[in-house]
Amino acid sequence: FEDEEKAFGFMSAMTKEHDLIFSRKVTHLATKIPRTSKLLSATARRSKGYAEIQLWRSREQKAASNNNALQLVARYDDHKVEDRWLSLPIQPETLEHESDATRVSFPKMPYQRGRIIDMASLSATDSKESGKRGDAVKKTGAISLVFSNTSDRAAFVSAVEGMTPETGGKKSPLDELMTSEFIS
């Protein structure tokens, strides 16, 4: 896709209840917040590598202009990670961030891990840990995302808070994903 709007439209067509409103790569995704005094060393020890994150808004919620139905979906880039998908509902009022930092976090909350993503419900499923095909592993933990720059973090915060993020006319990581996984 040449522009982000068309890519988001294509992805949104895959699910009948949600619209994709944000998609970027993060340099780190953790289900426990790293210690701020040792952020770099803690990140290096626990990191599974880059992850693609997507923020989806419920179409019902969009019509009602209510920001309570957001779903965060993430996919780790590392193919060695068995349960590559993570999904969780988020509440905008729980978002924690600083304007000059690249990290955002959410407090302890339930999330799911799995090998695939169910596009109908936008939930991770088919976890290796569950032992049953089609089941997800349900866990609870604080979620921390580290973006590569403050502009990506600001766009994420804007999307969570219900404002339209600026794309800047650049290709999104979604374009790379679509090109690499469906063309090769």
N, C-alpha and C. Protein backbone atom coordinates (compact mmCIF):
# COMPACT_ATOMS: atom_id res chain seq x y z
N PHE A 1 0.84 -1.19 0.00
CA PHE A 1 0.00 0.00 0.00
C PHE A 1 0.88 1.24 0.00
N GLU A 2 0.47 2.20 -0.76
CA GLU A 2 1.24 3.44 -0.84
C GLU A 2 0.93 4.39 0.30
N ASP A 3 -0.27 4.31 0.87
CA ASP A 3 -0.55 5.21 1.99
C ASP A 3 -1.21 4.45 3.14
N GLU A 4 -1.01 4.99 4.32
CA GLU A 4 -1.46 4.35 5.54
C GLU A 4 -2.98 4.21 5.60
N GLU A 5 -3.70 5.19 5.07
CA GLU A 5 -5.17 5.14 5.11
C GLU A 5 -5.71 3.93 4.36
N LYS A 6 -5.14 3.63 3.19
CA LYS A 6 -5.58 2.46 2.42
C LYS A 6 -5.22 1.17 3.15
N ALA A 7 -4.03 1.12 3.74
CA ALA A 7 -3.62 -0.07 4.48
C ALA A 7 -4.55 -0.30 5.67
N PHE A 8 -4.87 0.77 6.40
CA PHE A 8 -5.78 0.64 7.55
C PHE A 8 -7.16 0.20 7.09
N GLY A 9 -7.62 0.72 5.94
CA GLY A 9 -8.92 0.31 5.40
C GLY A 9 -8.94 -1.16 5.05
N PHE A 10 -7.86 -1.64 4.44
CA PHE A 10 -7.76 -3.05 4.09
C PHE A 10 -7.80 -3.93 5.34
N MET A 11 -6.99 -3.57 6.34
CA MET A 11 -6.96 -4.36 7.57
C MET A 11 -8.30 -4.30 8.30
N SER A 12 -8.94 -3.15 8.32
CA SER A 12 -10.23 -2.99 8.98
C SER A 12 -11.31 -3.84 8.30
N ALA A 13 -11.17 -4.07 7.00
CA ALA A 13 -12.14 -4.89 6.27
C ALA A 13 -12.07 -6.36 6.70
N MET A 14 -10.99 -6.75 7.37
CA MET A 14 -10.84 -8.14 7.81
C MET A 14 -11.64 -8.45 9.09
N THR A 15 -12.12 -7.44 9.74
CA THR A 15 -12.92 -7.63 10.94
C THR A 15 -14.16 -6.77 10.83
N LYS A 16 -15.30 -7.30 11.23
CA LYS A 16 -16.54 -6.55 11.03
C LYS A 16 -16.89 -5.62 12.19
N GLU A 17 -16.17 -5.71 13.30
CA GLU A 17 -16.54 -4.91 14.46
C GLU A 17 -15.52 -3.86 14.88
N HIS A 18 -14.36 -3.80 14.22
CA HIS A 18 -13.29 -2.88 14.65
C HIS A 18 -12.67 -2.15 13.46
N ASP A 19 -12.11 -0.98 13.75
CA ASP A 19 -11.34 -0.21 12.77
C ASP A 19 -9.92 -0.06 13.29
N LEU A 20 -8.95 -0.29 12.43
CA LEU A 20 -7.55 -0.09 12.79
C LEU A 20 -7.27 1.41 12.80
N ILE A 21 -6.76 1.92 13.93
CA ILE A 21 -6.51 3.36 14.04
C ILE A 21 -5.03 3.70 14.24
N PHE A 22 -4.20 2.69 14.52
CA PHE A 22 -2.78 2.95 14.75
C PHE A 22 -2.00 1.66 14.51
N SER A 23 -0.82 1.79 13.88
CA SER A 23 0.05 0.64 13.66
C SER A 23 1.49 1.14 13.56
N ARG A 24 2.35 0.61 14.41
CA ARG A 24 3.78 0.97 14.40
C ARG A 24 4.59 -0.18 14.97
N LYS A 25 5.89 -0.10 14.77
CA LYS A 25 6.81 -1.01 15.44
C LYS A 25 7.24 -0.36 16.74
N VAL A 26 7.45 -1.18 17.75
CA VAL A 26 8.05 -0.72 19.00
C VAL A 26 9.35 -1.46 19.17
N THR A 27 10.31 -0.84 19.85
CA THR A 27 11.60 -1.49 20.06
C THR A 27 11.54 -2.47 21.21
N HIS A 28 10.52 -2.33 22.06
CA HIS A 28 10.41 -3.21 23.22
C HIS A 28 8.96 -3.27 23.67
N LEU A 29 8.49 -4.46 23.96
CA LEU A 29 7.18 -4.67 24.55
C LEU A 29 7.37 -5.61 25.72
N ALA A 30 6.93 -5.21 26.88
CA ALA A 30 7.10 -6.06 28.06
C ALA A 30 5.79 -6.13 28.83
N THR A 31 5.58 -7.24 29.49
CA THR A 31 4.40 -7.39 30.33
C THR A 31 4.72 -7.07 31.78
N LYS A 32 5.93 -6.58 32.01
CA LYS A 32 6.34 -6.03 33.30
C LYS A 32 7.11 -4.76 33.00
N ILE A 33 6.86 -3.69 33.73
CA ILE A 33 7.53 -2.43 33.47
C ILE A 33 8.99 -2.53 33.90
N PRO A 34 9.93 -2.20 32.99
CA PRO A 34 11.35 -2.24 33.36
C PRO A 34 11.67 -1.18 34.40
N ARG A 35 12.66 -1.46 35.23
CA ARG A 35 13.11 -0.45 36.21
C ARG A 35 13.66 0.74 35.45
N THR A 36 13.19 1.94 35.80
CA THR A 36 13.61 3.13 35.06
C THR A 36 15.08 3.44 35.24
N SER A 37 15.65 3.11 36.40
CA SER A 37 17.07 3.42 36.61
C SER A 37 17.98 2.54 35.75
N LYS A 38 17.48 1.39 35.35
CA LYS A 38 18.28 0.48 34.54
C LYS A 38 17.50 0.10 33.29
N LEU A 39 16.81 1.07 32.68
CA LEU A 39 15.94 0.80 31.55
C LEU A 39 16.65 0.06 30.42
N LEU A 40 17.81 0.51 30.04
CA LEU A 40 18.48 -0.12 28.91
C LEU A 40 18.92 -1.54 29.20
N SER A 41 19.52 -1.78 30.37
CA SER A 41 19.97 -3.14 30.67
C SER A 41 18.78 -4.07 30.91
N ALA A 42 17.74 -3.59 31.56
CA ALA A 42 16.55 -4.42 31.79
C ALA A 42 15.87 -4.74 30.46
N THR A 43 15.83 -3.76 29.56
CA THR A 43 15.22 -3.97 28.26
C THR A 43 16.00 -5.02 27.48
N ALA A 44 17.30 -4.93 27.50
CA ALA A 44 18.13 -5.88 26.75
C ALA A 44 17.96 -7.30 27.29
N ARG A 45 17.82 -7.47 28.59
CA ARG A 45 17.68 -8.81 29.16
C ARG A 45 16.33 -9.43 28.86
N ARG A 46 15.24 -8.65 28.88
CA ARG A 46 13.90 -9.21 28.76
C ARG A 46 13.31 -9.07 27.36
N SER A 47 13.94 -8.37 26.50
CA SER A 47 13.36 -8.07 25.19
C SER A 47 13.29 -9.32 24.32
N LYS A 48 12.15 -9.46 23.64
CA LYS A 48 11.99 -10.51 22.64
C LYS A 48 12.21 -9.90 21.26
N GLY A 49 12.75 -8.71 21.22
CA GLY A 49 12.98 -8.02 19.97
C GLY A 49 11.85 -7.06 19.65
N TYR A 50 11.87 -6.59 18.43
CA TYR A 50 10.85 -5.65 17.99
C TYR A 50 9.48 -6.31 17.97
N ALA A 51 8.45 -5.48 18.08
CA ALA A 51 7.09 -5.97 17.98
C ALA A 51 6.28 -4.97 17.16
N GLU A 52 5.35 -5.48 16.40
CA GLU A 52 4.39 -4.65 15.67
C GLU A 52 3.18 -4.50 16.58
N ILE A 53 2.76 -3.27 16.84
CA ILE A 53 1.55 -3.08 17.65
C ILE A 53 0.48 -2.43 16.80
N GLN A 54 -0.75 -2.79 17.08
CA GLN A 54 -1.90 -2.21 16.40
C GLN A 54 -2.93 -1.82 17.45
N LEU A 55 -3.57 -0.70 17.23
CA LEU A 55 -4.63 -0.24 18.11
C LEU A 55 -5.91 -0.22 17.29
N TRP A 56 -6.92 -0.92 17.78
CA TRP A 56 -8.20 -1.06 17.10
C TRP A 56 -9.30 -0.42 17.94
N ARG A 57 -10.23 0.28 17.28
CA ARG A 57 -11.37 0.89 17.96
C ARG A 57 -12.65 0.17 17.50
N SER A 58 -13.49 -0.15 18.45
CA SER A 58 -14.77 -0.77 18.15
C SER A 58 -15.62 0.16 17.30
N ARG A 59 -16.27 -0.37 16.26
CA ARG A 59 -17.13 0.47 15.41
C ARG A 59 -18.33 0.97 16.19
N GLU A 60 -18.85 0.17 17.11
CA GLU A 60 -19.95 0.62 17.98
C GLU A 60 -19.50 1.82 18.80
N GLN A 61 -18.31 1.71 19.37
CA GLN A 61 -17.76 2.77 20.21
C GLN A 61 -17.49 4.02 19.39
N LYS A 62 -17.05 3.86 18.15
CA LYS A 62 -16.77 5.01 17.28
C LYS A 62 -18.07 5.77 17.01
N ALA A 63 -19.15 5.03 16.76
CA ALA A 63 -20.44 5.67 16.49
C ALA A 63 -20.94 6.41 17.72
N ALA A 64 -20.64 5.89 18.91
CA ALA A 64 -21.09 6.51 20.14
C ALA A 64 -20.12 7.59 20.64
N SER A 65 -19.00 7.78 19.94
CA SER A 65 -17.94 8.73 20.34
C SER A 65 -17.50 8.49 21.78
N ASN A 66 -17.30 7.24 22.11
CA ASN A 66 -16.92 6.83 23.45
C ASN A 66 -15.59 6.09 23.33
N ASN A 67 -14.58 6.48 24.09
CA ASN A 67 -13.24 5.89 23.96
C ASN A 67 -13.01 4.67 24.84
N ASN A 68 -14.04 3.94 25.21
CA ASN A 68 -13.85 2.82 26.13
C ASN A 68 -13.61 1.48 25.47
N ALA A 69 -13.69 1.39 24.16
CA ALA A 69 -13.56 0.09 23.50
C ALA A 69 -12.35 0.04 22.58
N LEU A 70 -11.17 0.11 23.15
CA LEU A 70 -9.94 0.00 22.38
C LEU A 70 -9.30 -1.36 22.64
N GLN A 71 -8.76 -1.95 21.59
CA GLN A 71 -8.10 -3.24 21.70
C GLN A 71 -6.67 -3.08 21.18
N LEU A 72 -5.69 -3.45 21.99
CA LEU A 72 -4.29 -3.43 21.58
C LEU A 72 -3.91 -4.84 21.17
N VAL A 73 -3.33 -4.95 19.98
CA VAL A 73 -2.88 -6.24 19.45
C VAL A 73 -1.40 -6.07 19.11
N ALA A 74 -0.58 -7.03 19.50
CA ALA A 74 0.85 -6.95 19.22
C ALA A 74 1.36 -8.29 18.70
N ARG A 75 2.35 -8.21 17.83
CA ARG A 75 2.99 -9.42 17.29
C ARG A 75 4.49 -9.25 17.39
N TYR A 76 5.14 -10.15 18.13
CA TYR A 76 6.60 -10.13 18.22
C TYR A 76 7.18 -10.53 16.88
N ASP A 77 8.26 -9.84 16.46
CA ASP A 77 8.91 -10.15 15.20
C ASP A 77 9.73 -11.43 15.25
N ASP A 78 10.20 -11.80 16.42
CA ASP A 78 11.08 -12.96 16.58
C ASP A 78 10.29 -14.26 16.37
N HIS A 79 10.66 -15.01 15.33
CA HIS A 79 9.96 -16.26 15.02
C HIS A 79 10.26 -17.36 16.04
N LYS A 80 11.24 -17.17 16.90
CA LYS A 80 11.54 -18.16 17.94
C LYS A 80 10.56 -18.08 19.10
N VAL A 81 9.81 -16.98 19.20
CA VAL A 81 8.81 -16.82 20.25
C VAL A 81 7.58 -17.60 19.82
N GLU A 82 7.22 -18.66 20.56
CA GLU A 82 6.09 -19.52 20.19
C GLU A 82 4.77 -18.74 20.17
N ASP A 83 4.43 -18.10 21.28
CA ASP A 83 3.19 -17.35 21.37
C ASP A 83 3.47 -15.90 21.00
N ARG A 84 3.53 -15.64 19.66
CA ARG A 84 3.95 -14.34 19.13
C ARG A 84 2.91 -13.25 19.29
N TRP A 85 1.64 -13.60 19.46
CA TRP A 85 0.57 -12.60 19.52
C TRP A 85 0.18 -12.30 20.95
N LEU A 86 -0.12 -11.04 21.20
CA LEU A 86 -0.61 -10.58 22.50
C LEU A 86 -1.80 -9.66 22.23
N SER A 87 -2.87 -9.80 23.01
CA SER A 87 -4.02 -8.92 22.82
C SER A 87 -4.59 -8.53 24.18
N LEU A 88 -5.10 -7.30 24.26
CA LEU A 88 -5.71 -6.83 25.49
C LEU A 88 -6.59 -5.62 25.23
N PRO A 89 -7.70 -5.52 25.97
CA PRO A 89 -8.50 -4.30 25.90
C PRO A 89 -7.82 -3.24 26.77
N ILE A 90 -7.85 -1.99 26.32
CA ILE A 90 -7.23 -0.93 27.12
C ILE A 90 -8.23 0.19 27.38
N GLN A 91 -8.02 0.87 28.49
CA GLN A 91 -8.81 2.03 28.86
C GLN A 91 -7.91 3.26 28.73
N PRO A 92 -8.33 4.29 27.99
CA PRO A 92 -7.49 5.48 27.79
C PRO A 92 -7.03 6.13 29.09
N GLU A 93 -7.88 6.13 30.11
CA GLU A 93 -7.51 6.80 31.36
C GLU A 93 -6.40 6.10 32.13
N THR A 94 -6.06 4.86 31.74
CA THR A 94 -4.99 4.14 32.44
C THR A 94 -3.61 4.34 31.81
N LEU A 95 -3.56 5.01 30.66
CA LEU A 95 -2.30 5.25 29.95
C LEU A 95 -1.38 6.15 30.77
N GLU A 96 -0.12 5.73 30.94
CA GLU A 96 0.88 6.53 31.63
C GLU A 96 2.02 6.83 30.66
N HIS A 97 2.41 8.11 30.58
CA HIS A 97 3.50 8.51 29.69
C HIS A 97 4.04 9.86 30.11
N GLU A 98 5.23 10.16 29.63
CA GLU A 98 5.83 11.48 29.82
C GLU A 98 6.05 12.08 28.43
N SER A 99 5.85 13.36 28.30
CA SER A 99 5.89 13.99 26.98
C SER A 99 7.25 13.92 26.30
N ASP A 100 8.34 13.80 27.07
CA ASP A 100 9.66 13.78 26.45
C ASP A 100 10.29 12.38 26.42
N ALA A 101 9.51 11.37 26.68
CA ALA A 101 10.02 10.00 26.72
C ALA A 101 9.45 9.18 25.57
N THR A 102 10.06 8.02 25.33
CA THR A 102 9.58 7.13 24.27
C THR A 102 8.77 5.97 24.83
N ARG A 103 8.62 5.90 26.15
CA ARG A 103 7.92 4.78 26.78
C ARG A 103 6.52 5.18 27.21
N VAL A 104 5.58 4.24 27.03
CA VAL A 104 4.24 4.36 27.59
C VAL A 104 3.96 3.08 28.36
N SER A 105 3.06 3.15 29.31
CA SER A 105 2.75 1.94 30.07
C SER A 105 1.29 1.95 30.51
N PHE A 106 0.82 0.76 30.82
CA PHE A 106 -0.51 0.54 31.35
C PHE A 106 -0.34 -0.26 32.64
N PRO A 107 -1.20 -0.02 33.63
CA PRO A 107 -1.07 -0.77 34.89
C PRO A 107 -1.43 -2.24 34.70
N LYS A 108 -1.27 -3.00 35.75
CA LYS A 108 -1.55 -4.44 35.72
C LYS A 108 -2.97 -4.67 35.19
N MET A 109 -3.07 -5.50 34.14
CA MET A 109 -4.35 -5.80 33.51
C MET A 109 -4.30 -7.16 32.84
N PRO A 110 -5.47 -7.76 32.56
CA PRO A 110 -5.47 -9.06 31.89
C PRO A 110 -5.12 -8.93 30.40
N TYR A 111 -4.41 -9.92 29.89
CA TYR A 111 -4.08 -9.97 28.46
C TYR A 111 -4.03 -11.43 28.04
N GLN A 112 -4.00 -11.67 26.73
CA GLN A 112 -3.94 -13.02 26.18
C GLN A 112 -2.71 -13.16 25.30
N ARG A 113 -2.11 -14.36 25.32
CA ARG A 113 -1.00 -14.70 24.43
C ARG A 113 -1.39 -15.92 23.61
N GLY A 114 -0.94 -15.96 22.37
CA GLY A 114 -1.23 -17.10 21.53
C GLY A 114 -0.39 -17.10 20.26
N ARG A 115 -0.51 -18.19 19.49
CA ARG A 115 0.25 -18.32 18.25
C ARG A 115 -0.42 -17.65 17.06
N ILE A 116 -1.72 -17.42 17.14
CA ILE A 116 -2.45 -16.77 16.05
C ILE A 116 -3.36 -15.69 16.62
N ILE A 117 -3.86 -14.84 15.74
CA ILE A 117 -4.82 -13.81 16.15
C ILE A 117 -6.17 -14.12 15.49
N ASP A 118 -7.21 -14.12 16.28
CA ASP A 118 -8.57 -14.32 15.78
C ASP A 118 -9.07 -12.94 15.34
N MET A 119 -9.19 -12.72 14.03
CA MET A 119 -9.57 -11.40 13.52
C MET A 119 -11.01 -11.04 13.85
N ALA A 120 -11.88 -12.01 14.10
CA ALA A 120 -13.27 -11.69 14.45
C ALA A 120 -13.35 -11.01 15.81
N SER A 121 -12.55 -11.48 16.76
CA SER A 121 -12.60 -10.91 18.11
C SER A 121 -11.34 -10.12 18.47
N LEU A 122 -10.37 -10.11 17.57
CA LEU A 122 -9.07 -9.47 17.82
C LEU A 122 -8.44 -9.99 19.11
N SER A 123 -8.44 -11.30 19.26
CA SER A 123 -7.84 -11.89 20.46
C SER A 123 -6.83 -12.95 20.07
N ALA A 124 -5.75 -13.00 20.85
CA ALA A 124 -4.72 -14.02 20.64
C ALA A 124 -5.31 -15.37 21.03
N THR A 125 -4.95 -16.40 20.27
CA THR A 125 -5.50 -17.73 20.53
C THR A 125 -4.49 -18.80 20.11
N ASP A 126 -4.81 -20.05 20.37
CA ASP A 126 -3.99 -21.20 19.99
C ASP A 126 -2.60 -21.14 20.64
N SER A 127 -2.57 -21.02 21.95
CA SER A 127 -1.31 -20.92 22.68
C SER A 127 -0.68 -22.29 22.89
N LYS A 128 0.64 -22.34 22.79
CA LYS A 128 1.37 -23.57 23.07
C LYS A 128 1.24 -23.93 24.55
N GLU A 129 1.23 -22.92 25.42
CA GLU A 129 1.14 -23.15 26.86
C GLU A 129 -0.19 -23.74 27.31
N SER A 130 -1.28 -23.43 26.59
CA SER A 130 -2.61 -23.87 27.03
C SER A 130 -2.80 -25.37 26.92
N GLY A 131 -2.11 -25.99 25.96
CA GLY A 131 -2.24 -27.43 25.79
C GLY A 131 -3.45 -27.83 24.96
N LYS A 132 -4.35 -26.92 24.68
CA LYS A 132 -5.53 -27.21 23.87
C LYS A 132 -5.52 -26.31 22.64
N ARG A 133 -5.74 -26.89 21.50
CA ARG A 133 -5.76 -26.11 20.26
C ARG A 133 -6.91 -25.10 20.32
N GLY A 134 -6.62 -23.87 19.97
CA GLY A 134 -7.64 -22.82 19.94
C GLY A 134 -7.73 -22.01 21.22
N ASP A 135 -7.14 -22.49 22.30
CA ASP A 135 -7.19 -21.75 23.56
C ASP A 135 -6.03 -20.77 23.65
N ALA A 136 -6.28 -19.68 24.35
CA ALA A 136 -5.24 -18.69 24.61
C ALA A 136 -4.77 -18.83 26.04
N VAL A 137 -3.59 -18.34 26.32
CA VAL A 137 -3.12 -18.27 27.69
C VAL A 137 -3.54 -16.90 28.21
N LYS A 138 -4.29 -16.89 29.29
CA LYS A 138 -4.74 -15.64 29.89
C LYS A 138 -3.84 -15.33 31.06
N LYS A 139 -3.25 -14.15 31.02
CA LYS A 139 -2.31 -13.71 32.05
C LYS A 139 -2.69 -12.33 32.53
N THR A 140 -2.01 -11.86 33.55
CA THR A 140 -2.21 -10.52 34.07
C THR A 140 -0.85 -9.89 34.29
N GLY A 141 -0.70 -8.64 33.89
CA GLY A 141 0.56 -7.95 34.11
C GLY A 141 0.51 -6.53 33.59
N ALA A 142 1.44 -5.71 34.05
CA ALA A 142 1.58 -4.35 33.54
C ALA A 142 2.18 -4.44 32.14
N ILE A 143 1.77 -3.55 31.26
CA ILE A 143 2.25 -3.54 29.88
C ILE A 143 3.08 -2.28 29.65
N SER A 144 4.25 -2.45 29.06
CA SER A 144 5.15 -1.34 28.76
C SER A 144 5.55 -1.41 27.29
N LEU A 145 5.45 -0.29 26.59
CA LEU A 145 5.85 -0.19 25.19
C LEU A 145 6.93 0.88 25.07
N VAL A 146 8.01 0.58 24.34
CA VAL A 146 9.05 1.56 24.10
C VAL A 146 9.11 1.79 22.59
N PHE A 147 8.83 3.03 22.18
CA PHE A 147 8.87 3.41 20.77
C PHE A 147 10.28 3.86 20.40
N SER A 148 10.59 3.84 19.11
CA SER A 148 11.93 4.24 18.67
C SER A 148 12.12 5.76 18.72
N ASN A 149 11.01 6.52 18.73
CA ASN A 149 11.13 7.97 18.81
C ASN A 149 9.90 8.57 19.48
N THR A 150 10.01 9.83 19.88
CA THR A 150 8.91 10.48 20.61
C THR A 150 7.72 10.78 19.70
N SER A 151 7.94 10.94 18.40
CA SER A 151 6.80 11.23 17.52
C SER A 151 5.89 10.01 17.39
N ASP A 152 6.45 8.79 17.34
CA ASP A 152 5.62 7.59 17.32
C ASP A 152 4.87 7.43 18.64
N ARG A 153 5.56 7.74 19.75
CA ARG A 153 4.89 7.67 21.05
C ARG A 153 3.76 8.68 21.12
N ALA A 154 3.98 9.89 20.63
CA ALA A 154 2.94 10.92 20.63
C ALA A 154 1.75 10.53 19.76
N ALA A 155 2.01 9.90 18.61
CA ALA A 155 0.93 9.44 17.75
C ALA A 155 0.10 8.36 18.44
N PHE A 156 0.77 7.46 19.17
CA PHE A 156 0.06 6.42 19.91
C PHE A 156 -0.82 7.04 20.99
N VAL A 157 -0.26 7.97 21.75
CA VAL A 157 -1.01 8.64 22.82
C VAL A 157 -2.23 9.35 22.22
N SER A 158 -2.06 10.04 21.09
CA SER A 158 -3.17 10.72 20.43
C SER A 158 -4.26 9.73 20.02
N ALA A 159 -3.86 8.59 19.48
CA ALA A 159 -4.84 7.58 19.06
C ALA A 159 -5.60 7.03 20.27
N VAL A 160 -4.89 6.75 21.35
CA VAL A 160 -5.55 6.23 22.57
C VAL A 160 -6.52 7.27 23.13
N GLU A 161 -6.11 8.53 23.10
CA GLU A 161 -6.95 9.58 23.67
C GLU A 161 -8.05 10.04 22.73
N GLY A 162 -8.15 9.41 21.55
CA GLY A 162 -9.25 9.70 20.65
C GLY A 162 -8.99 10.76 19.61
N MET A 163 -7.76 11.22 19.50
CA MET A 163 -7.40 12.20 18.47
C MET A 163 -6.79 11.45 17.29
N THR A 164 -6.87 12.00 16.11
CA THR A 164 -6.31 11.37 14.92
C THR A 164 -4.81 11.57 14.91
N PRO A 165 -4.02 10.45 14.91
CA PRO A 165 -2.57 10.61 14.86
C PRO A 165 -2.11 11.08 13.48
N GLU A 166 -1.04 11.85 13.47
CA GLU A 166 -0.44 12.31 12.22
C GLU A 166 0.41 11.18 11.64
N THR A 167 0.27 10.91 10.35
CA THR A 167 1.07 9.85 9.73
C THR A 167 2.34 10.38 9.10
N GLY A 168 2.35 11.64 8.73
CA GLY A 168 3.54 12.21 8.12
C GLY A 168 3.81 11.72 6.72
N GLY A 169 2.86 10.99 6.12
CA GLY A 169 3.01 10.52 4.75
C GLY A 169 4.03 9.40 4.58
N LYS A 170 4.53 8.84 5.68
CA LYS A 170 5.53 7.78 5.54
C LYS A 170 4.86 6.41 5.56
N LYS A 171 5.54 5.43 4.98
CA LYS A 171 5.01 4.07 5.01
C LYS A 171 5.04 3.53 6.43
N SER A 172 4.02 2.80 6.77
CA SER A 172 3.95 2.23 8.11
C SER A 172 4.58 0.85 8.12
N PRO A 173 4.88 0.32 9.31
CA PRO A 173 5.37 -1.04 9.40
C PRO A 173 4.36 -2.05 8.84
N LEU A 174 3.08 -1.67 8.82
CA LEU A 174 2.07 -2.53 8.24
C LEU A 174 2.36 -2.78 6.77
N ASP A 175 2.82 -1.75 6.06
CA ASP A 175 3.18 -1.92 4.66
C ASP A 175 4.28 -2.97 4.52
N GLU A 176 5.30 -2.89 5.38
CA GLU A 176 6.38 -3.87 5.35
C GLU A 176 5.86 -5.28 5.63
N LEU A 177 4.97 -5.39 6.61
CA LEU A 177 4.39 -6.68 6.96
C LEU A 177 3.62 -7.27 5.79
N MET A 178 2.77 -6.46 5.18
CA MET A 178 1.95 -6.93 4.06
C MET A 178 2.84 -7.34 2.89
N THR A 179 3.87 -6.59 2.62
CA THR A 179 4.76 -6.88 1.52
C THR A 179 5.57 -8.15 1.77
N SER A 180 6.13 -8.28 2.97
CA SER A 180 7.01 -9.40 3.26
C SER A 180 6.26 -10.72 3.45
N GLU A 181 5.08 -10.70 4.07
CA GLU A 181 4.40 -11.95 4.37
C GLU A 181 3.48 -12.43 3.26
N PHE A 182 2.93 -11.52 2.44
CA PHE A 182 1.97 -11.94 1.45
C PHE A 182 2.54 -11.98 0.03
N ILE A 183 3.66 -11.36 -0.19
CA ILE A 183 4.25 -11.38 -1.53
C ILE A 183 5.31 -12.46 -1.64
N SER A 184 6.04 -12.70 -0.56
CA SER A 184 7.11 -13.70 -0.64
C SER A 184 6.60 -15.11 -0.49
